[in-house]
């Protein structure tokens, strides 16, 4: 109501976070009265704080963090948390932080900033540095017990969708995004790479365009709104044709 500070925490000092060479940039997830974020600390790879007073609700894992926020998905009617970390993708219970699945995606220093995409039961994530995209399917295992877990099954991989900092979008079963080939954008010209459309079921590339450079993409009304890294705005049809 007033803008006054109710509480504050120095999380880097409190949890000794690691893995974010360019500083923390993940948006905070607020879910059921908890603030959840990747921290990258020892026994605090992922943390949950009470939104009212900042106290620790739970911590989980030791994985170094990256730049992508934790986000909730619903698998067979039950909410779980997906975290795209420096070298691993993890899935956790939002109430307790218990690890439900852990999947290795790289080794050593790596940056992951583009949000994974959820199309139940498929989870699609695309990595920078020409690493490409991967699709895995999720299924509960021993769900009716007090120690359930999630089984991950590889569906497809594609070298033709390497997202850097701009997330792709899903529209009616097709993935639209920018496949970056430059390690960084250059001044006064769009980043080199290609805007592509992939079939989310098979990973097959449906079309490729070099009309625009790297862009953040928003989907609305069966259209794509692209904000290119040189400042141009593009409106396009979200069509696999």
Protein backbone atom coordinates (compact mmCIF):
# COMPACT_ATOMS: atom_id res chain seq x y z
CA UNK A 1 0.00 0.00 0.00
CA UNK A 2 2.78 2.47 0.86
CA UNK A 3 5.90 1.16 -0.90
CA UNK A 4 7.66 0.78 2.45
CA UNK A 5 10.15 -2.09 2.85
CA UNK A 6 8.62 -5.02 4.74
CA UNK A 7 11.77 -7.15 4.72
CA UNK A 8 14.99 -7.58 2.77
CA UNK A 9 17.64 -10.26 2.39
CA UNK A 10 21.15 -10.40 0.91
CA UNK A 11 20.72 -13.79 -0.76
CA UNK A 12 24.21 -14.00 -2.26
CA UNK A 13 25.73 -13.58 1.19
CA UNK A 14 23.16 -15.81 2.88
CA UNK A 15 23.38 -18.75 0.47
CA UNK A 16 26.83 -18.26 -1.16
CA UNK A 17 25.37 -18.55 -4.66
CA UNK A 18 27.46 -19.49 -7.69
CA UNK A 19 27.16 -19.94 -11.44
CA UNK A 20 25.94 -16.51 -12.55
CA UNK A 21 29.01 -14.78 -14.00
CA UNK A 22 26.96 -11.80 -15.21
CA UNK A 23 24.90 -11.43 -12.04
CA UNK A 24 21.47 -12.72 -11.11
CA UNK A 25 18.81 -11.97 -13.71
CA UNK A 26 16.11 -14.64 -13.22
CA UNK A 27 12.64 -13.35 -12.44
CA UNK A 28 11.31 -14.45 -9.06
CA UNK A 29 8.52 -17.03 -9.06
CA UNK A 30 5.83 -16.34 -6.47
CA UNK A 31 3.71 -19.46 -5.94
CA UNK A 32 1.39 -20.28 -3.03
CA UNK A 33 3.00 -17.75 -0.70
CA UNK A 34 6.55 -18.78 -1.59
CA UNK A 35 9.27 -16.95 -3.52
CA UNK A 36 11.20 -19.56 -5.53
CA UNK A 37 14.41 -18.93 -7.45
CA UNK A 38 17.63 -20.63 -8.58
CA UNK A 39 20.41 -19.59 -6.19
CA UNK A 40 23.30 -21.93 -6.98
CA UNK A 41 24.54 -22.23 -3.41
CA UNK A 42 25.86 -25.23 -1.50
CA UNK A 43 22.74 -27.20 -0.54
CA UNK A 44 20.84 -24.23 -1.98
CA UNK A 45 20.82 -24.72 -5.73
CA UNK A 46 17.13 -23.86 -5.58
CA UNK A 47 15.53 -21.97 -2.71
CA UNK A 48 12.04 -21.08 -1.49
CA UNK A 49 11.39 -18.18 0.86
CA UNK A 50 8.24 -17.18 2.71
CA UNK A 51 6.85 -14.20 0.79
CA UNK A 52 5.60 -12.50 3.96
CA UNK A 53 8.81 -12.41 5.99
CA UNK A 54 11.68 -13.81 3.85
CA UNK A 55 12.42 -16.80 6.06
CA UNK A 56 13.69 -19.96 4.38
CA UNK A 57 10.96 -22.51 3.61
CA UNK A 58 13.23 -25.05 1.90
CA UNK A 59 16.46 -25.40 -0.07
CA UNK A 60 17.34 -28.11 -2.59
CA UNK A 61 20.43 -29.38 -4.40
CA UNK A 62 23.91 -28.02 -5.08
CA UNK A 63 23.67 -27.17 -8.79
CA UNK A 64 25.14 -23.81 -9.92
CA UNK A 65 22.45 -21.45 -11.15
CA UNK A 66 22.07 -19.87 -14.55
CA UNK A 67 19.91 -16.99 -15.84
CA UNK A 68 16.60 -18.74 -16.47
CA UNK A 69 13.85 -18.45 -13.84
CA UNK A 70 12.26 -21.49 -12.26
CA UNK A 71 8.76 -21.98 -13.65
CA UNK A 72 5.78 -24.17 -12.75
CA UNK A 73 4.23 -26.77 -15.05
CA UNK A 74 1.28 -29.09 -14.55
CA UNK A 75 1.96 -32.78 -15.22
CA UNK A 76 -1.12 -35.01 -15.08
CA UNK A 77 -2.90 -32.46 -12.90
CA UNK A 78 -0.06 -31.94 -10.42
CA UNK A 79 2.14 -28.82 -10.26
CA UNK A 80 5.93 -29.24 -10.30
CA UNK A 81 8.86 -26.85 -10.74
CA UNK A 82 11.25 -26.86 -13.69
CA UNK A 83 14.69 -25.23 -13.28
CA UNK A 84 17.07 -24.79 -16.23
CA UNK A 85 20.40 -24.48 -14.40
CA UNK A 86 24.04 -24.16 -15.50
CA UNK A 87 24.59 -27.83 -16.31
CA UNK A 88 21.40 -29.61 -15.29
CA UNK A 89 17.66 -29.43 -15.67
CA UNK A 90 15.88 -30.26 -12.42
CA UNK A 91 12.26 -30.90 -11.49
CA UNK A 92 11.19 -30.31 -7.89
CA UNK A 93 8.13 -30.50 -5.68
CA UNK A 94 6.98 -26.90 -5.01
CA UNK A 95 5.83 -27.61 -1.45
CA UNK A 96 8.92 -29.40 -0.12
CA UNK A 97 11.66 -28.82 -2.71
CA UNK A 98 12.16 -32.58 -3.03
CA UNK A 99 13.99 -33.52 -6.23
CA UNK A 100 11.75 -35.46 -8.63
CA UNK A 101 14.11 -35.63 -11.62
CA UNK A 102 17.56 -34.38 -12.65
CA UNK A 103 18.88 -34.34 -16.21
CA UNK A 104 22.43 -33.43 -17.24
CA UNK A 105 22.53 -31.04 -20.21
CA UNK A 106 26.16 -29.80 -20.36
CA UNK A 107 29.58 -29.75 -18.68
CA UNK A 108 31.64 -26.89 -17.27
CA UNK A 109 30.69 -23.24 -17.68
CA UNK A 110 27.45 -22.73 -19.59
CA UNK A 111 24.73 -20.10 -19.89
CA UNK A 112 21.03 -20.88 -20.02
CA UNK A 113 18.67 -17.93 -20.20
CA UNK A 114 15.90 -18.86 -22.68
CA UNK A 115 12.85 -20.34 -20.96
CA UNK A 116 12.01 -23.99 -21.69
CA UNK A 117 8.64 -24.66 -23.31
CA UNK A 118 5.97 -27.01 -21.95
CA UNK A 119 3.55 -28.89 -24.18
CA UNK A 120 2.35 -31.74 -21.97
CA UNK A 121 3.96 -34.24 -21.76
CA UNK A 122 6.81 -32.64 -23.76
CA UNK A 123 9.43 -30.26 -22.35
CA UNK A 124 11.56 -28.46 -24.96
CA UNK A 125 14.71 -26.50 -24.13
CA UNK A 126 17.18 -24.76 -26.45
CA UNK A 127 20.76 -23.85 -25.51
CA UNK A 128 23.16 -21.17 -26.82
CA UNK A 129 26.57 -21.60 -28.49
CA UNK A 130 25.09 -23.73 -31.32
CA UNK A 131 24.10 -26.46 -28.83
CA UNK A 132 20.65 -26.88 -30.37
CA UNK A 133 17.29 -27.91 -28.93
CA UNK A 134 16.15 -31.03 -27.10
CA UNK A 135 12.70 -32.43 -26.40
CA UNK A 136 12.02 -34.84 -23.54
CA UNK A 137 8.74 -36.32 -22.34
CA UNK A 138 7.78 -36.47 -18.65
CA UNK A 139 5.79 -39.15 -16.85
CA UNK A 140 5.12 -39.86 -13.19
CA UNK A 141 6.64 -42.94 -11.61
CA UNK A 142 5.28 -44.33 -8.30
CA UNK A 143 2.93 -41.36 -8.13
CA UNK A 144 0.63 -42.98 -5.54
CA UNK A 145 3.49 -43.50 -3.06
CA UNK A 146 5.09 -41.01 -0.67
CA UNK A 147 8.28 -40.99 -2.79
CA UNK A 148 7.13 -40.33 -6.37
CA UNK A 149 9.58 -39.38 -9.11
CA UNK A 150 9.39 -38.27 -12.73
CA UNK A 151 10.77 -40.32 -15.59
CA UNK A 152 12.40 -38.41 -18.47
CA UNK A 153 12.48 -39.87 -21.98
CA UNK A 154 14.38 -38.33 -24.89
CA UNK A 155 12.09 -37.54 -27.85
CA UNK A 156 14.22 -35.61 -30.35
CA UNK A 157 17.18 -33.27 -30.74
CA UNK A 158 17.75 -30.56 -33.36
CA UNK A 159 20.86 -28.55 -34.16
CA UNK A 160 18.65 -25.96 -35.87
CA UNK A 161 17.30 -24.11 -32.81
CA UNK A 162 19.95 -22.63 -30.51
CA UNK A 163 18.29 -19.94 -28.37
CA UNK A 164 20.60 -17.45 -26.67
CA UNK A 165 18.75 -14.99 -24.42
CA UNK A 166 15.47 -14.85 -26.38
CA UNK A 167 12.95 -17.60 -25.64
CA UNK A 168 11.02 -19.34 -28.40
CA UNK A 169 7.22 -19.69 -28.32
CA UNK A 170 4.77 -22.51 -28.99
CA UNK A 171 1.67 -21.98 -31.13
CA UNK A 172 -0.67 -24.84 -32.05
CA UNK A 173 1.98 -27.53 -31.93
CA UNK A 174 4.77 -25.58 -33.63
CA UNK A 175 7.83 -23.89 -32.14
CA UNK A 176 8.93 -20.46 -33.41
CA UNK A 177 12.26 -18.90 -32.45
CA UNK A 178 15.64 -17.59 -33.50
CA UNK A 179 18.54 -19.98 -34.10
CA UNK A 180 21.54 -17.84 -33.14
CA UNK A 181 24.87 -18.42 -34.91
CA UNK A 182 26.80 -15.42 -33.56
CA UNK A 183 28.05 -15.74 -29.99
CA UNK A 184 27.01 -12.12 -29.43
CA UNK A 185 25.00 -9.52 -31.33
CA UNK A 186 26.89 -6.81 -33.23
CA UNK A 187 26.19 -3.10 -33.28
CA UNK A 188 24.08 -1.65 -36.12
CA UNK A 189 23.05 -4.97 -37.68
CA UNK A 190 20.89 -7.89 -36.62
CA UNK A 191 22.53 -10.94 -35.11
CA UNK A 192 23.38 -13.62 -37.64
CA UNK A 193 21.23 -16.71 -37.58
CA UNK A 194 17.80 -17.74 -38.75
CA UNK A 195 14.22 -17.47 -37.59
CA UNK A 196 12.77 -20.97 -37.76
CA UNK A 197 9.62 -22.99 -37.28
CA UNK A 198 9.93 -26.52 -35.87
CA UNK A 199 7.31 -29.23 -35.46
CA UNK A 200 7.17 -29.79 -31.70
CA UNK A 201 6.22 -33.45 -32.13
CA UNK A 202 9.13 -34.47 -34.37
CA UNK A 203 11.67 -31.62 -34.21
CA UNK A 204 11.48 -31.29 -38.01
CA UNK A 205 12.23 -27.81 -39.38
CA UNK A 206 9.21 -26.54 -41.32
CA UNK A 207 10.68 -23.26 -42.59
CA UNK A 208 13.65 -20.93 -42.18
CA UNK A 209 13.84 -17.15 -42.70
CA UNK A 210 16.80 -14.78 -42.75
CA UNK A 211 14.55 -11.70 -42.87
CA UNK A 212 15.10 -10.74 -39.21
CA UNK A 213 17.87 -11.15 -36.67
CA UNK A 214 17.66 -12.35 -33.08
CA UNK A 215 14.35 -11.27 -31.57
CA UNK A 216 12.24 -11.69 -28.49
CA UNK A 217 9.01 -13.34 -29.62
CA UNK A 218 5.47 -12.94 -28.30
CA UNK A 219 2.56 -14.94 -29.68
CA UNK A 220 -0.93 -13.42 -29.84
CA UNK A 221 -3.99 -13.91 -32.06
CA UNK A 222 -2.16 -16.48 -34.24
CA UNK A 223 0.55 -13.91 -34.91
CA UNK A 224 4.16 -13.42 -33.86
CA UNK A 225 5.34 -10.07 -32.53
CA UNK A 226 9.13 -9.89 -32.80
CA UNK A 227 11.34 -7.23 -31.22
CA UNK A 228 14.66 -7.49 -33.07
CA UNK A 229 17.96 -6.73 -31.33
CA UNK A 230 18.47 -3.67 -33.58
CA UNK A 231 15.18 -2.16 -32.32
CA UNK A 232 12.88 -3.12 -35.20
CA UNK A 233 9.41 -4.56 -34.52
CA UNK A 234 8.07 -7.21 -36.90
CA UNK A 235 4.57 -8.69 -37.14
CA UNK A 236 4.34 -12.12 -38.77
CA UNK A 237 1.82 -14.94 -39.16
CA UNK A 238 2.37 -17.90 -36.82
CA UNK A 239 2.06 -20.49 -39.57
CA UNK A 240 4.05 -23.69 -40.22
CA UNK A 241 3.62 -22.93 -43.94
